[in-house]
Amino acid sequence: MASRLKIELIKARQNTYPFLVNDKNIKEMSQQLCNRMYVNLNWDTRDSDDVMVVRFEEVATNPKLMARLLYDHLGMDYAPEIDVWISRSVNNTSEDSDTPLAEWNQLFSTQRKSRDVIYSWRRSLPWKWIKIIQENCRDVLETSGYVI
């Protein structure tokens, strides 16, 4: 195991803090957030053998594979129980999905249908904001492997 291992989780920031943003401050807020992300990403990846950059979308679309890769990167054994936990956590196939309790659990639980969460911001943000964010965050998005 290397002396210093780190995992950097990257998530496209189109959906970060939407409740704090409005038409007047979207440009400034996105610039500040993405500038910090860019600095962190470049600082963390300067010694790339020790750092594994993982995009949220990779974890959400293929969680078992990514968990195995993360454990391997950290030099840890991967137990079969991890696959069971992942299956329960990311599929969230509760049979009581129409009850008020199920709705409450969906809001406050860590269990989600992870594939549904990935691009939910596309339905909740105005297109003009998405264009501003993508332009202001171009460097960090491209460095992280996102295609704009």
C-alpha atoms as a PDB file:
ATOM      1  CA  MET A   1       0.000   0.000   0.000  1.00  0.00           C
ATOM      2  CA  ALA A   2       1.296   3.456  -0.872  1.00  0.00           C
ATOM      3  CA  SER A   3       2.110   5.848   1.928  1.00  0.00           C
ATOM      4  CA  ARG A   4      -0.574   8.323   0.895  1.00  0.00           C
ATOM      5  CA  LEU A   5      -3.714   7.239  -0.913  1.00  0.00           C
ATOM      6  CA  LYS A   6      -6.596   9.504  -1.708  1.00  0.00           C
ATOM      7  CA  ILE A   7      -9.830   9.201  -3.608  1.00  0.00           C
ATOM      8  CA  GLU A   8     -11.219  12.361  -5.185  1.00  0.00           C
ATOM      9  CA  LEU A   9     -14.959  12.136  -5.906  1.00  0.00           C
ATOM     10  CA  ILE A  10     -16.000  14.525  -8.635  1.00  0.00           C
ATOM     11  CA  LYS A  11     -19.601  15.474  -9.313  1.00  0.00           C
ATOM     12  CA  ALA A  12     -20.691  17.871 -12.015  1.00  0.00           C
ATOM     13  CA  ARG A  13     -21.883  20.913 -10.126  1.00  0.00           C
ATOM     14  CA  GLN A  14     -24.909  21.945 -12.132  1.00  0.00           C
ATOM     15  CA  ASN A  15     -27.103  20.908  -9.207  1.00  0.00           C
ATOM     16  CA  THR A  16     -25.128  22.285  -6.257  1.00  0.00           C
ATOM     17  CA  TYR A  17     -26.931  24.707  -3.955  1.00  0.00           C
ATOM     18  CA  PRO A  18     -29.810  25.527  -6.320  1.00  0.00           C
ATOM     19  CA  PHE A  19     -31.717  27.069  -3.404  1.00  0.00           C
ATOM     20  CA  LEU A  20     -28.993  29.737  -2.985  1.00  0.00           C
ATOM     21  CA  VAL A  21     -28.806  30.709  -6.627  1.00  0.00           C
ATOM     22  CA  ASN A  22     -30.904  33.128  -8.619  1.00  0.00           C
ATOM     23  CA  ASP A  23     -30.670  34.874 -11.984  1.00  0.00           C
ATOM     24  CA  LYS A  24     -28.587  37.680 -10.476  1.00  0.00           C
ATOM     25  CA  ASN A  25     -25.882  35.574  -8.802  1.00  0.00           C
ATOM     26  CA  ILE A  26     -25.671  32.380 -10.890  1.00  0.00           C
ATOM     27  CA  LYS A  27     -22.532  33.522 -12.699  1.00  0.00           C
ATOM     28  CA  GLU A  28     -20.677  34.536  -9.531  1.00  0.00           C
ATOM     29  CA  MET A  29     -21.769  31.474  -7.532  1.00  0.00           C
ATOM     30  CA  SER A  30     -20.779  29.038 -10.266  1.00  0.00           C
ATOM     31  CA  GLN A  31     -17.414  30.745 -10.793  1.00  0.00           C
ATOM     32  CA  GLN A  32     -16.577  30.572  -7.084  1.00  0.00           C
ATOM     33  CA  LEU A  33     -17.571  26.937  -6.714  1.00  0.00           C
ATOM     34  CA  CYS A  34     -15.851  25.746  -9.865  1.00  0.00           C
ATOM     35  CA  ASN A  35     -12.669  27.699  -9.156  1.00  0.00           C
ATOM     36  CA  ARG A  36     -12.430  25.932  -5.777  1.00  0.00           C
ATOM     37  CA  MET A  37     -13.105  22.568  -7.398  1.00  0.00           C
ATOM     38  CA  TYR A  38     -10.444  23.206 -10.055  1.00  0.00           C
ATOM     39  CA  VAL A  39      -7.826  24.153  -7.458  1.00  0.00           C
ATOM     40  CA  ASN A  40      -8.684  21.106  -5.329  1.00  0.00           C
ATOM     41  CA  LEU A  41      -8.620  18.747  -8.281  1.00  0.00           C
ATOM     42  CA  ASN A  42      -5.266  20.021  -9.519  1.00  0.00           C
ATOM     43  CA  TRP A  43      -3.785  19.970  -6.018  1.00  0.00           C
ATOM     44  CA  ASP A  44      -5.055  16.469  -5.272  1.00  0.00           C
ATOM     45  CA  THR A  45      -4.008  14.926  -8.572  1.00  0.00           C
ATOM     46  CA  ARG A  46      -0.493  16.329  -8.747  1.00  0.00           C
ATOM     47  CA  ASP A  47       0.874  12.961  -7.544  1.00  0.00           C
ATOM     48  CA  SER A  48      -1.438  10.863  -9.691  1.00  0.00           C
ATOM     49  CA  ASP A  49      -0.184   7.414  -8.611  1.00  0.00           C
ATOM     50  CA  ASP A  50      -1.639   7.936  -5.148  1.00  0.00           C
ATOM     51  CA  VAL A  51      -4.867   9.656  -6.191  1.00  0.00           C
ATOM     52  CA  MET A  52      -7.859   8.005  -7.812  1.00  0.00           C
ATOM     53  CA  VAL A  53     -10.284  10.442  -9.412  1.00  0.00           C
ATOM     54  CA  VAL A  54     -13.803   9.037  -9.494  1.00  0.00           C
ATOM     55  CA  ARG A  55     -16.774  10.723 -11.089  1.00  0.00           C
ATOM     56  CA  PHE A  56     -20.127  10.474  -9.331  1.00  0.00           C
ATOM     57  CA  GLU A  57     -21.757   9.237 -12.525  1.00  0.00           C
ATOM     58  CA  GLU A  58     -19.356   6.290 -12.650  1.00  0.00           C
ATOM     59  CA  VAL A  59     -20.299   5.285  -9.123  1.00  0.00           C
ATOM     60  CA  ALA A  60     -24.019   5.752  -9.770  1.00  0.00           C
ATOM     61  CA  THR A  61     -24.079   3.789 -13.031  1.00  0.00           C
ATOM     62  CA  ASN A  62     -21.743   0.965 -12.033  1.00  0.00           C
ATOM     63  CA  PRO A  63     -21.489   0.958  -8.230  1.00  0.00           C
ATOM     64  CA  LYS A  64     -20.222  -2.596  -7.723  1.00  0.00           C
ATOM     65  CA  LEU A  65     -17.392  -2.222 -10.225  1.00  0.00           C
ATOM     66  CA  MET A  66     -16.415   1.156  -8.804  1.00  0.00           C
ATOM     67  CA  ALA A  67     -16.480  -0.213  -5.249  1.00  0.00           C
ATOM     68  CA  ARG A  68     -14.126  -2.999  -6.316  1.00  0.00           C
ATOM     69  CA  LEU A  69     -11.806  -0.482  -7.989  1.00  0.00           C
ATOM     70  CA  LEU A  70     -11.842   1.748  -4.902  1.00  0.00           C
ATOM     71  CA  TYR A  71     -11.053  -1.147  -2.573  1.00  0.00           C
ATOM     72  CA  ASP A  72      -8.286  -2.271  -4.917  1.00  0.00           C
ATOM     73  CA  HIS A  73      -6.845   1.255  -5.021  1.00  0.00           C
ATOM     74  CA  LEU A  74      -6.812   1.360  -1.230  1.00  0.00           C
ATOM     75  CA  GLY A  75      -5.271  -2.124  -0.992  1.00  0.00           C
ATOM     76  CA  MET A  76      -8.245  -3.498   0.927  1.00  0.00           C
ATOM     77  CA  ASP A  77     -10.050  -6.819   0.604  1.00  0.00           C
ATOM     78  CA  TYR A  78     -13.482  -6.719  -1.008  1.00  0.00           C
ATOM     79  CA  ALA A  79     -16.072  -8.739   0.917  1.00  0.00           C
ATOM     80  CA  PRO A  80     -19.139 -10.223  -0.835  1.00  0.00           C
ATOM     81  CA  GLU A  81     -21.376  -8.458   1.683  1.00  0.00           C
ATOM     82  CA  ILE A  82     -20.452  -5.173   0.022  1.00  0.00           C
ATOM     83  CA  ASP A  83     -22.243  -6.239  -3.166  1.00  0.00           C
ATOM     84  CA  VAL A  84     -25.366  -7.081  -1.134  1.00  0.00           C
ATOM     85  CA  TRP A  85     -25.301  -3.701   0.617  1.00  0.00           C
ATOM     86  CA  ILE A  86     -24.789  -1.875  -2.685  1.00  0.00           C
ATOM     87  CA  SER A  87     -27.701  -3.708  -4.299  1.00  0.00           C
ATOM     88  CA  ARG A  88     -30.001  -2.719  -1.455  1.00  0.00           C
ATOM     89  CA  SER A  89     -28.786   0.872  -1.343  1.00  0.00           C
ATOM     90  CA  VAL A  90     -28.896   1.813  -5.016  1.00  0.00           C
ATOM     91  CA  ASN A  91     -31.987  -0.015  -6.210  1.00  0.00           C
ATOM     92  CA  ASN A  92     -34.440   1.042  -3.490  1.00  0.00           C
ATOM     93  CA  THR A  93     -37.230  -1.223  -4.660  1.00  0.00           C
ATOM     94  CA  SER A  94     -39.491  -0.963  -1.640  1.00  0.00           C
ATOM     95  CA  GLU A  95     -42.848  -2.667  -2.089  1.00  0.00           C
ATOM     96  CA  ASP A  96     -44.517   0.099  -0.070  1.00  0.00           C
ATOM     97  CA  SER A  97     -43.499   2.806  -2.540  1.00  0.00           C
ATOM     98  CA  ASP A  98     -46.935   4.487  -2.518  1.00  0.00           C
ATOM     99  CA  THR A  99     -47.211   5.008   1.230  1.00  0.00           C
ATOM    100  CA  PRO A 100     -46.522   8.312   3.040  1.00  0.00           C
ATOM    101  CA  LEU A 101     -43.723   6.586   4.986  1.00  0.00           C
ATOM    102  CA  ALA A 102     -42.075   5.515   1.729  1.00  0.00           C
ATOM    103  CA  GLU A 103     -42.211   9.110   0.471  1.00  0.00           C
ATOM    104  CA  TRP A 104     -40.620  10.314   3.728  1.00  0.00           C
ATOM    105  CA  ASN A 105     -37.927   7.637   3.458  1.00  0.00           C
ATOM    106  CA  GLN A 106     -37.210   8.638  -0.138  1.00  0.00           C
ATOM    107  CA  LEU A 107     -36.582  12.235   0.920  1.00  0.00           C
ATOM    108  CA  PHE A 108     -34.346  11.479   3.891  1.00  0.00           C
ATOM    109  CA  SER A 109     -32.857   8.074   3.161  1.00  0.00           C
ATOM    110  CA  THR A 110     -29.436   7.342   1.704  1.00  0.00           C
ATOM    111  CA  GLN A 111     -31.071   4.722  -0.474  1.00  0.00           C
ATOM    112  CA  ARG A 112     -31.905   5.879  -3.994  1.00  0.00           C
ATOM    113  CA  LYS A 113     -32.285   4.517  -7.468  1.00  0.00           C
ATOM    114  CA  SER A 114     -28.867   5.902  -8.260  1.00  0.00           C
ATOM    115  CA  ARG A 115     -29.341   6.009 -12.025  1.00  0.00           C
ATOM    116  CA  ASP A 116     -32.364   8.302 -11.543  1.00  0.00           C
ATOM    117  CA  VAL A 117     -30.354  10.810  -9.506  1.00  0.00           C
ATOM    118  CA  ILE A 118     -27.474  11.360 -11.923  1.00  0.00           C
ATOM    119  CA  TYR A 119     -29.092  13.873 -14.238  1.00  0.00           C
ATOM    120  CA  SER A 120     -32.049  15.025 -12.151  1.00  0.00           C
ATOM    121  CA  TRP A 121     -30.620  18.557 -12.286  1.00  0.00           C
ATOM    122  CA  ARG A 122     -31.539  18.678 -15.985  1.00  0.00           C
ATOM    123  CA  ARG A 123     -35.206  18.740 -14.999  1.00  0.00           C
ATOM    124  CA  SER A 124     -34.825  21.226 -12.164  1.00  0.00           C
ATOM    125  CA  LEU A 125     -32.534  23.984 -13.506  1.00  0.00           C
ATOM    126  CA  PRO A 126     -33.333  26.501 -16.223  1.00  0.00           C
ATOM    127  CA  TRP A 127     -31.368  25.953 -19.438  1.00  0.00           C
ATOM    128  CA  LYS A 128     -29.885  29.484 -19.233  1.00  0.00           C
ATOM    129  CA  TRP A 129     -28.327  28.563 -15.857  1.00  0.00           C
ATOM    130  CA  ILE A 130     -26.912  25.312 -17.202  1.00  0.00           C
ATOM    131  CA  LYS A 131     -25.208  27.209 -20.047  1.00  0.00           C
ATOM    132  CA  ILE A 132     -23.691  29.713 -17.586  1.00  0.00           C
ATOM    133  CA  ILE A 133     -22.477  26.957 -15.260  1.00  0.00           C
ATOM    134  CA  GLN A 134     -20.968  24.931 -18.097  1.00  0.00           C
ATOM    135  CA  GLU A 135     -19.111  27.974 -19.405  1.00  0.00           C
ATOM    136  CA  ASN A 136     -17.831  28.997 -15.950  1.00  0.00           C
ATOM    137  CA  CYS A 137     -16.895  25.422 -15.067  1.00  0.00           C
ATOM    138  CA  ARG A 138     -15.411  24.399 -18.408  1.00  0.00           C
ATOM    139  CA  ASP A 139     -11.877  23.900 -17.011  1.00  0.00           C
ATOM    140  CA  VAL A 140     -12.913  21.696 -14.096  1.00  0.00           C
ATOM    141  CA  LEU A 141     -15.434  19.760 -16.185  1.00  0.00           C
ATOM    142  CA  GLU A 142     -12.890  19.023 -18.915  1.00  0.00           C
ATOM    143  CA  THR A 143     -10.164  18.179 -16.382  1.00  0.00           C
ATOM    144  CA  SER A 144     -12.611  15.758 -14.762  1.00  0.00           C
ATOM    145  CA  GLY A 145     -13.398  14.071 -18.065  1.00  0.00           C
ATOM    146  CA  TYR A 146     -16.837  15.541 -18.737  1.00  0.00           C
ATOM    147  CA  VAL A 147     -17.798  16.324 -22.308  1.00  0.00           C
ATOM    148  CA  ILE A 148     -19.471  19.694 -22.738  1.00  0.00           C
END
